[in-house]
Amino acid sequence: MSGHSKWSTIRHKKAAADAKRGKIFTKLIKEITIAARLGGGDPDANSRLRTAIAEAKAENMPKDNIDRAIKKGTGELEGTAYEEFNYEGYGPGGVAILVEVMTDNRNRAASDVRFIFSKNGGSLGEAGCVAWMFSKKGTIVFDKQRISEEELMEAALEAGAEDVEDQQDQYQVVTAWEDFAAVKAAFDAKQLQYDMAEVTMVPQTTVAIEDEKTAQQLLKLMNALDDCEDVQNAYANFDIADELLNEVA
């Protein structure tokens, strides 16, 4: 899971700048809107919506924004009609990449994603070529300086988490994606401060990247996907050594 964790950490460091441009809220609003459209506006009866709301709260999205997004999804307010689909492919070094798209213009999204892959040493593949390598999970990350492993382990098990992983300077709590909202709520109730909380696609295996040029090109590809207007999420199974990552990130 180290490759996933490192990319998530890089994205998290970008989050402050992205938040200023409204990018994070835009992606969260899209997810809430579609979740409400597909499963209704009651989070108690709609696990996808419940999870989306939990992620929005983790990013401190105002309640009014969440409520408006739900109403747009249920049709109570006028909103943009989004459709969602995935692209799968490979990046430099043979890294598997799964791209989740949420857009109001399929042709634009397809063109942009293809261009990003081709420009940055990647290649798109057939549907299903890499999706099987990833599992949907909830992850909540804690700084080791803020909590002891014993305290976190006790709280995580009590909340229903699957595992607590020791990852150098941080702990990562892993949950079934359906349990993410409940586990996060349990941590919030105990006032445990975490650095990041999200539902993501976790790779079952990782590809080691040891060459600096390959690492630079790969991160450039991932950042370009992350910055694309129609890309909701991009996941990869790379593992870059910390020393190399510090040089190229």
C-alpha atoms as a PDB file:
ATOM      1  CA  MET A   1       0.000   0.000   0.000  1.00  0.00           C
ATOM      2  CA  SER A   2       3.060   2.233   0.168  1.00  0.00           C
ATOM      3  CA  GLY A   3       2.656   3.533  -3.394  1.00  0.00           C
ATOM      4  CA  HIS A   4      -0.906   4.576  -2.701  1.00  0.00           C
ATOM      5  CA  SER A   5       0.064   6.237   0.557  1.00  0.00           C
ATOM      6  CA  LYS A   6       2.860   8.261  -1.026  1.00  0.00           C
ATOM      7  CA  TRP A   7       0.703   9.552  -3.867  1.00  0.00           C
ATOM      8  CA  SER A   8      -2.048  10.452  -1.402  1.00  0.00           C
ATOM      9  CA  THR A   9       0.493  12.367   0.683  1.00  0.00           C
ATOM     10  CA  ILE A  10       1.717  14.289  -2.375  1.00  0.00           C
ATOM     11  CA  ARG A  11      -1.877  15.151  -3.282  1.00  0.00           C
ATOM     12  CA  HIS A  12      -2.558  16.212   0.280  1.00  0.00           C
ATOM     13  CA  LYS A  13       0.345  18.674   0.155  1.00  0.00           C
ATOM     14  CA  LYS A  14      -1.195  20.156  -3.003  1.00  0.00           C
ATOM     15  CA  ALA A  15      -4.549  20.434  -1.281  1.00  0.00           C
ATOM     16  CA  ALA A  16      -3.995  23.885   0.214  1.00  0.00           C
ATOM     17  CA  ALA A  17      -3.333  25.413  -3.204  1.00  0.00           C
ATOM     18  CA  ASP A  18      -6.115  23.398  -4.818  1.00  0.00           C
ATOM     19  CA  ALA A  19      -8.570  24.486  -2.120  1.00  0.00           C
ATOM     20  CA  LYS A  20      -7.828  28.142  -2.869  1.00  0.00           C
ATOM     21  CA  ARG A  21      -8.875  27.535  -6.453  1.00  0.00           C
ATOM     22  CA  GLY A  22     -11.982  25.691  -5.342  1.00  0.00           C
ATOM     23  CA  LYS A  23     -10.864  22.479  -7.048  1.00  0.00           C
ATOM     24  CA  ILE A  24     -11.335  20.159  -4.101  1.00  0.00           C
ATOM     25  CA  PHE A  25     -14.835  21.459  -3.359  1.00  0.00           C
ATOM     26  CA  THR A  26     -15.767  21.155  -7.030  1.00  0.00           C
ATOM     27  CA  LYS A  27     -14.822  17.468  -7.096  1.00  0.00           C
ATOM     28  CA  LEU A  28     -16.640  16.787  -3.827  1.00  0.00           C
ATOM     29  CA  ILE A  29     -19.768  18.586  -5.026  1.00  0.00           C
ATOM     30  CA  LYS A  30     -19.770  16.460  -8.199  1.00  0.00           C
ATOM     31  CA  GLU A  31     -19.570  13.264  -6.137  1.00  0.00           C
ATOM     32  CA  ILE A  32     -22.331  14.343  -3.737  1.00  0.00           C
ATOM     33  CA  THR A  33     -24.563  15.379  -6.636  1.00  0.00           C
ATOM     34  CA  ILE A  34     -24.186  12.084  -8.496  1.00  0.00           C
ATOM     35  CA  ALA A  35     -24.540  10.036  -5.309  1.00  0.00           C
ATOM     36  CA  ALA A  36     -27.810  11.821  -4.503  1.00  0.00           C
ATOM     37  CA  ARG A  37     -29.060  11.451  -8.073  1.00  0.00           C
ATOM     38  CA  LEU A  38     -28.406   7.710  -8.153  1.00  0.00           C
ATOM     39  CA  GLY A  39     -29.399   6.752  -4.612  1.00  0.00           C
ATOM     40  CA  GLY A  40     -31.575   9.540  -3.227  1.00  0.00           C
ATOM     41  CA  GLY A  41     -30.904  12.384  -0.827  1.00  0.00           C
ATOM     42  CA  ASP A  42     -31.081  10.477   2.460  1.00  0.00           C
ATOM     43  CA  PRO A  43     -27.530   9.574   3.577  1.00  0.00           C
ATOM     44  CA  ASP A  44     -28.873   6.987   6.032  1.00  0.00           C
ATOM     45  CA  ALA A  45     -30.279   5.022   3.084  1.00  0.00           C
ATOM     46  CA  ASN A  46     -27.526   5.882   0.581  1.00  0.00           C
ATOM     47  CA  SER A  47     -24.066   4.621   1.535  1.00  0.00           C
ATOM     48  CA  ARG A  48     -22.331   6.385  -1.358  1.00  0.00           C
ATOM     49  CA  LEU A  49     -23.856   9.710  -0.354  1.00  0.00           C
ATOM     50  CA  ARG A  50     -23.010   9.088   3.291  1.00  0.00           C
ATOM     51  CA  THR A  51     -19.384   8.486   2.344  1.00  0.00           C
ATOM     52  CA  ALA A  52     -19.264  11.555   0.079  1.00  0.00           C
ATOM     53  CA  ILE A  53     -20.612  13.759   2.865  1.00  0.00           C
ATOM     54  CA  ALA A  54     -18.002  12.366   5.265  1.00  0.00           C
ATOM     55  CA  GLU A  55     -15.231  13.211   2.796  1.00  0.00           C
ATOM     56  CA  ALA A  56     -16.657  16.710   2.307  1.00  0.00           C
ATOM     57  CA  LYS A  57     -16.721  17.281   6.053  1.00  0.00           C
ATOM     58  CA  ALA A  58     -13.116  16.078   6.287  1.00  0.00           C
ATOM     59  CA  GLU A  59     -12.242  18.938   3.909  1.00  0.00           C
ATOM     60  CA  ASN A  60     -14.304  21.401   5.996  1.00  0.00           C
ATOM     61  CA  MET A  61     -16.903  21.991   3.302  1.00  0.00           C
ATOM     62  CA  PRO A  62     -19.730  24.217   4.641  1.00  0.00           C
ATOM     63  CA  LYS A  63     -23.045  22.478   5.318  1.00  0.00           C
ATOM     64  CA  ASP A  64     -24.867  24.803   2.907  1.00  0.00           C
ATOM     65  CA  ASN A  65     -22.645  23.636   0.044  1.00  0.00           C
ATOM     66  CA  ILE A  66     -23.352  20.008   0.891  1.00  0.00           C
ATOM     67  CA  ASP A  67     -27.104  20.603   1.118  1.00  0.00           C
ATOM     68  CA  ARG A  68     -27.202  22.421  -2.243  1.00  0.00           C
ATOM     69  CA  ALA A  69     -25.255  19.620  -3.931  1.00  0.00           C
ATOM     70  CA  ILE A  70     -27.711  17.049  -2.572  1.00  0.00           C
ATOM     71  CA  LYS A  71     -30.691  19.070  -3.801  1.00  0.00           C
ATOM     72  CA  LYS A  72     -29.120  19.404  -7.252  1.00  0.00           C
ATOM     73  CA  GLY A  73     -28.733  15.647  -7.338  1.00  0.00           C
ATOM     74  CA  THR A  74     -32.327  14.969  -6.319  1.00  0.00           C
ATOM     75  CA  GLY A  75     -33.665  17.593  -8.729  1.00  0.00           C
ATOM     76  CA  GLU A  76     -34.895  20.044  -6.095  1.00  0.00           C
ATOM     77  CA  LEU A  77     -32.471  22.593  -7.530  1.00  0.00           C
ATOM     78  CA  GLU A  78     -31.292  22.985 -11.109  1.00  0.00           C
ATOM     79  CA  GLY A  79     -27.840  21.502 -11.647  1.00  0.00           C
ATOM     80  CA  THR A  80     -25.383  20.175 -14.220  1.00  0.00           C
ATOM     81  CA  ALA A  81     -25.940  16.633 -15.507  1.00  0.00           C
ATOM     82  CA  TYR A  82     -22.732  14.659 -14.950  1.00  0.00           C
ATOM     83  CA  GLU A  83     -21.852  11.204 -16.207  1.00  0.00           C
ATOM     84  CA  GLU A  84     -19.093   9.009 -14.832  1.00  0.00           C
ATOM     85  CA  PHE A  85     -16.786   6.418 -16.368  1.00  0.00           C
ATOM     86  CA  ASN A  86     -13.236   5.102 -15.984  1.00  0.00           C
ATOM     87  CA  TYR A  87     -10.066   5.033 -18.053  1.00  0.00           C
ATOM     88  CA  GLU A  88      -7.330   2.489 -17.444  1.00  0.00           C
ATOM     89  CA  GLY A  89      -3.766   2.453 -18.627  1.00  0.00           C
ATOM     90  CA  TYR A  90      -0.077   2.409 -17.848  1.00  0.00           C
ATOM     91  CA  GLY A  91       2.425   5.070 -16.922  1.00  0.00           C
ATOM     92  CA  PRO A  92       6.216   5.220 -17.160  1.00  0.00           C
ATOM     93  CA  GLY A  93       7.858   2.142 -15.674  1.00  0.00           C
ATOM     94  CA  GLY A  94       4.787  -0.008 -16.333  1.00  0.00           C
ATOM     95  CA  VAL A  95       2.828   1.517 -13.456  1.00  0.00           C
ATOM     96  CA  ALA A  96      -0.894   0.709 -13.498  1.00  0.00           C
ATOM     97  CA  ILE A  97      -3.153   3.791 -13.499  1.00  0.00           C
ATOM     98  CA  LEU A  98      -6.903   3.917 -12.902  1.00  0.00           C
ATOM     99  CA  VAL A  99      -8.667   7.191 -13.745  1.00  0.00           C
ATOM    100  CA  GLU A 100     -12.178   8.058 -12.557  1.00  0.00           C
ATOM    101  CA  VAL A 101     -13.875  10.665 -14.746  1.00  0.00           C
ATOM    102  CA  MET A 102     -16.935  12.709 -13.860  1.00  0.00           C
ATOM    103  CA  THR A 103     -17.945  15.140 -16.607  1.00  0.00           C
ATOM    104  CA  ASP A 104     -20.671  17.037 -18.407  1.00  0.00           C
ATOM    105  CA  ASN A 105     -18.786  16.643 -21.709  1.00  0.00           C
ATOM    106  CA  ARG A 106     -17.613  13.111 -22.544  1.00  0.00           C
ATOM    107  CA  ASN A 107     -15.754  14.120 -25.720  1.00  0.00           C
ATOM    108  CA  ARG A 108     -13.745  16.798 -23.928  1.00  0.00           C
ATOM    109  CA  ALA A 109     -12.859  14.430 -21.096  1.00  0.00           C
ATOM    110  CA  ALA A 110     -11.771  11.661 -23.472  1.00  0.00           C
ATOM    111  CA  SER A 111      -9.582  14.033 -25.463  1.00  0.00           C
ATOM    112  CA  ASP A 112      -7.947  15.533 -22.377  1.00  0.00           C
ATOM    113  CA  VAL A 113      -7.177  12.195 -20.709  1.00  0.00           C
ATOM    114  CA  ARG A 114      -5.707  10.709 -23.901  1.00  0.00           C
ATOM    115  CA  PHE A 115      -3.546  13.799 -24.399  1.00  0.00           C
ATOM    116  CA  ILE A 116      -2.240  13.687 -20.812  1.00  0.00           C
ATOM    117  CA  PHE A 117      -1.258  10.026 -21.113  1.00  0.00           C
ATOM    118  CA  SER A 118       0.443  10.410 -24.495  1.00  0.00           C
ATOM    119  CA  LYS A 119       2.287  13.608 -23.518  1.00  0.00           C
ATOM    120  CA  ASN A 120       3.725  12.083 -20.343  1.00  0.00           C
ATOM    121  CA  GLY A 121       4.962   8.684 -21.447  1.00  0.00           C
ATOM    122  CA  GLY A 122       1.795   6.748 -20.657  1.00  0.00           C
ATOM    123  CA  SER A 123      -0.605   4.649 -22.708  1.00  0.00           C
ATOM    124  CA  LEU A 124      -4.298   3.908 -22.359  1.00  0.00           C
ATOM    125  CA  GLY A 125      -5.417   0.290 -22.209  1.00  0.00           C
ATOM    126  CA  GLU A 126      -8.596  -1.706 -22.621  1.00  0.00           C
ATOM    127  CA  ALA A 127     -11.370  -1.638 -20.040  1.00  0.00           C
ATOM    128  CA  GLY A 128     -10.498  -3.973 -17.180  1.00  0.00           C
ATOM    129  CA  CYS A 129      -6.766  -4.095 -17.864  1.00  0.00           C
ATOM    130  CA  VAL A 130      -5.771  -2.656 -14.464  1.00  0.00           C
ATOM    131  CA  ALA A 131      -8.978  -2.200 -12.437  1.00  0.00           C
ATOM    132  CA  TRP A 132      -8.622  -5.705 -10.988  1.00  0.00           C
ATOM    133  CA  MET A 133      -5.387  -4.595  -9.277  1.00  0.00           C
ATOM    134  CA  PHE A 134      -7.202  -2.112  -7.014  1.00  0.00           C
ATOM    135  CA  SER A 135      -9.592  -2.474  -4.069  1.00  0.00           C
ATOM    136  CA  LYS A 136     -11.909   0.268  -2.797  1.00  0.00           C
ATOM    137  CA  LYS A 137     -11.018   1.216   0.793  1.00  0.00           C
ATOM    138  CA  GLY A 138     -11.384   4.023   3.289  1.00  0.00           C
ATOM    139  CA  THR A 139      -8.120   5.476   4.617  1.00  0.00           C
ATOM    140  CA  ILE A 140      -7.559   7.867   7.516  1.00  0.00           C
ATOM    141  CA  VAL A 141      -4.022   9.122   8.134  1.00  0.00           C
ATOM    142  CA  PHE A 142      -2.594  10.242  11.479  1.00  0.00           C
ATOM    143  CA  ASP A 143       0.710  11.947  12.284  1.00  0.00           C
ATOM    144  CA  LYS A 144       2.709   9.777  14.701  1.00  0.00           C
ATOM    145  CA  GLN A 145       3.601  12.832  16.788  1.00  0.00           C
ATOM    146  CA  ARG A 146      -0.069  13.430  17.606  1.00  0.00           C
ATOM    147  CA  ILE A 147      -1.166   9.991  18.756  1.00  0.00           C
ATOM    148  CA  SER A 148       0.318   6.771  20.103  1.00  0.00           C
ATOM    149  CA  GLU A 149      -0.054   3.507  18.240  1.00  0.00           C
ATOM    150  CA  GLU A 150      -1.771   1.924  21.243  1.00  0.00           C
ATOM    151  CA  GLU A 151      -4.378   4.707  21.509  1.00  0.00           C
ATOM    152  CA  LEU A 152      -5.070   4.674  17.778  1.00  0.00           C
ATOM    153  CA  MET A 153      -5.262   0.893  17.577  1.00  0.00           C
ATOM    154  CA  GLU A 154      -7.788   0.776  20.402  1.00  0.00           C
ATOM    155  CA  ALA A 155      -9.940   3.516  18.845  1.00  0.00           C
ATOM    156  CA  ALA A 156      -9.727   1.968  15.354  1.00  0.00           C
ATOM    157  CA  LEU A 157     -10.758  -1.507  16.476  1.00  0.00           C
ATOM    158  CA  GLU A 158     -13.609  -0.087  18.538  1.00  0.00           C
ATOM    159  CA  ALA A 159     -14.811   1.912  15.530  1.00  0.00           C
ATOM    160  CA  GLY A 160     -14.769  -1.109  13.204  1.00  0.00           C
ATOM    161  CA  ALA A 161     -11.650  -0.401  11.119  1.00  0.00           C
ATOM    162  CA  GLU A 162      -9.913  -3.241   9.305  1.00  0.00           C
ATOM    163  CA  ASP A 163      -6.293  -2.407  10.079  1.00  0.00           C
ATOM    164  CA  VAL A 164      -3.792   0.166  11.327  1.00  0.00           C
ATOM    165  CA  GLU A 165      -0.567   0.352   9.303  1.00  0.00           C
ATOM    166  CA  ASP A 166       2.741   1.830  10.449  1.00  0.00           C
ATOM    167  CA  GLN A 167       4.129   3.933   7.582  1.00  0.00           C
ATOM    168  CA  GLN A 168       7.288   5.686   8.763  1.00  0.00           C
ATOM    169  CA  ASP A 169       6.132   9.091  10.074  1.00  0.00           C
ATOM    170  CA  GLN A 170       2.416   8.301   9.986  1.00  0.00           C
ATOM    171  CA  TYR A 171      -0.228   5.704  10.798  1.00  0.00           C
ATOM    172  CA  GLN A 172      -2.809   4.768   8.197  1.00  0.00           C
ATOM    173  CA  VAL A 173      -6.147   3.381   9.321  1.00  0.00           C
ATOM    174  CA  VAL A 174      -7.794   1.189   6.669  1.00  0.00           C
ATOM    175  CA  THR A 175     -11.544   0.553   6.537  1.00  0.00           C
ATOM    176  CA  ALA A 176     -14.054  -1.102   4.245  1.00  0.00           C
ATOM    177  CA  TRP A 177     -15.331   1.762   2.112  1.00  0.00           C
ATOM    178  CA  GLU A 178     -18.873   1.273   3.420  1.00  0.00           C
ATOM    179  CA  ASP A 179     -17.584   1.735   6.990  1.00  0.00           C
ATOM    180  CA  PHE A 180     -15.522   4.857   6.259  1.00  0.00           C
ATOM    181  CA  ALA A 181     -18.147   7.372   7.421  1.00  0.00           C
ATOM    182  CA  ALA A 182     -18.818   5.491  10.658  1.00  0.00           C
ATOM    183  CA  VAL A 183     -15.116   5.082  11.513  1.00  0.00           C
ATOM    184  CA  LYS A 184     -14.396   8.736  10.733  1.00  0.00           C
ATOM    185  CA  ALA A 185     -17.384   9.790  12.883  1.00  0.00           C
ATOM    186  CA  ALA A 186     -16.036   7.676  15.762  1.00  0.00           C
ATOM    187  CA  PHE A 187     -12.652   9.401  15.520  1.00  0.00           C
ATOM    188  CA  ASP A 188     -14.355  12.795  15.383  1.00  0.00           C
ATOM    189  CA  ALA A 189     -16.387  11.949  18.477  1.00  0.00           C
ATOM    190  CA  LYS A 190     -13.143  11.173  20.333  1.00  0.00           C
ATOM    191  CA  GLN A 191     -11.623  14.404  18.932  1.00  0.00           C
ATOM    192  CA  LEU A 192      -8.738  12.499  17.363  1.00  0.00           C
ATOM    193  CA  GLN A 193      -6.969  14.782  14.889  1.00  0.00           C
ATOM    194  CA  TYR A 194      -6.108  13.202  11.528  1.00  0.00           C
ATOM    195  CA  ASP A 195      -4.252  14.647   8.541  1.00  0.00           C
ATOM    196  CA  MET A 196      -6.304  13.092   5.762  1.00  0.00           C
ATOM    197  CA  ALA A 197      -9.493  11.057   5.373  1.00  0.00           C
ATOM    198  CA  GLU A 198     -10.691   9.677   2.044  1.00  0.00           C
ATOM    199  CA  VAL A 199     -12.179   6.751   0.183  1.00  0.00           C
ATOM    200  CA  THR A 200      -9.715   5.561  -2.405  1.00  0.00           C
ATOM    201  CA  MET A 201      -8.637   2.683  -4.615  1.00  0.00           C
ATOM    202  CA  VAL A 202      -5.761   0.825  -2.975  1.00  0.00           C
ATOM    203  CA  PRO A 203      -3.387  -1.260  -5.157  1.00  0.00           C
ATOM    204  CA  GLN A 204      -2.927  -4.906  -4.211  1.00  0.00           C
ATOM    205  CA  THR A 205       0.688  -4.845  -5.405  1.00  0.00           C
ATOM    206  CA  THR A 206       3.127  -2.048  -6.238  1.00  0.00           C
ATOM    207  CA  VAL A 207       5.760  -1.396  -8.901  1.00  0.00           C
ATOM    208  CA  ALA A 208       9.138  -0.139  -7.650  1.00  0.00           C
ATOM    209  CA  ILE A 209      10.404   2.955  -9.468  1.00  0.00           C
ATOM    210  CA  GLU A 210      14.132   3.474  -8.962  1.00  0.00           C
ATOM    211  CA  ASP A 211      15.122   5.678 -11.898  1.00  0.00           C
ATOM    212  CA  GLU A 212      14.949   9.449 -11.316  1.00  0.00           C
ATOM    213  CA  LYS A 213      13.822  10.302 -14.857  1.00  0.00           C
ATOM    214  CA  THR A 214      11.043   7.704 -14.739  1.00  0.00           C
ATOM    215  CA  ALA A 215       9.916   8.958 -11.321  1.00  0.00           C
ATOM    216  CA  GLN A 216       9.798  12.553 -12.540  1.00  0.00           C
ATOM    217  CA  GLN A 217       7.799  11.638 -15.640  1.00  0.00           C
ATOM    218  CA  LEU A 218       5.407   9.483 -13.626  1.00  0.00           C
ATOM    219  CA  LEU A 219       4.699  12.208 -11.066  1.00  0.00           C
ATOM    220  CA  LYS A 220       4.234  14.724 -13.881  1.00  0.00           C
ATOM    221  CA  LEU A 221       1.617  12.412 -15.425  1.00  0.00           C
ATOM    222  CA  MET A 222      -0.188  11.918 -12.124  1.00  0.00           C
ATOM    223  CA  ASN A 223      -0.198  15.644 -11.357  1.00  0.00           C
ATOM    224  CA  ALA A 224      -1.553  16.432 -14.821  1.00  0.00           C
ATOM    225  CA  LEU A 225      -4.391  13.952 -14.314  1.00  0.00           C
ATOM    226  CA  ASP A 226      -5.097  15.358 -10.862  1.00  0.00           C
ATOM    227  CA  ASP A 227      -5.304  18.876 -12.337  1.00  0.00           C
ATOM    228  CA  CYS A 228      -7.640  17.863 -15.182  1.00  0.00           C
ATOM    229  CA  GLU A 229     -11.095  19.412 -14.838  1.00  0.00           C
ATOM    230  CA  ASP A 230     -12.955  16.202 -15.669  1.00  0.00           C
ATOM    231  CA  VAL A 231     -10.798  13.770 -13.666  1.00  0.00           C
ATOM    232  CA  GLN A 232     -12.353  13.022 -10.309  1.00  0.00           C
ATOM    233  CA  ASN A 233      -9.569  10.738  -9.070  1.00  0.00           C
ATOM    234  CA  ALA A 234      -6.430   9.086 -10.427  1.00  0.00           C
ATOM    235  CA  TYR A 235      -4.869   6.058  -8.733  1.00  0.00           C
ATOM    236  CA  ALA A 236      -1.547   4.315  -9.366  1.00  0.00           C
ATOM    237  CA  ASN A 237       0.431   1.403  -7.970  1.00  0.00           C
ATOM    238  CA  PHE A 238       3.940   2.902  -7.934  1.00  0.00           C
ATOM    239  CA  ASP A 239       6.412   2.720  -5.060  1.00  0.00           C
ATOM    240  CA  ILE A 240       9.176   5.322  -5.047  1.00  0.00           C
ATOM    241  CA  ALA A 241      11.857   5.244  -2.344  1.00  0.00           C
ATOM    242  CA  ASP A 242      11.598   8.184   0.056  1.00  0.00           C
ATOM    243  CA  GLU A 243      15.033   9.535  -0.873  1.00  0.00           C
ATOM    244  CA  LEU A 244      14.159   9.596  -4.573  1.00  0.00           C
ATOM    245  CA  LEU A 245      10.684  10.930  -3.897  1.00  0.00           C
ATOM    246  CA  ASN A 246      12.135  13.879  -1.962  1.00  0.00           C
ATOM    247  CA  GLU A 247      14.375  14.694  -4.915  1.00  0.00           C
ATOM    248  CA  VAL A 248      11.697  14.644  -7.589  1.00  0.00           C
ATOM    249  CA  ALA A 249       8.476  15.643  -5.783  1.00  0.00           C
END
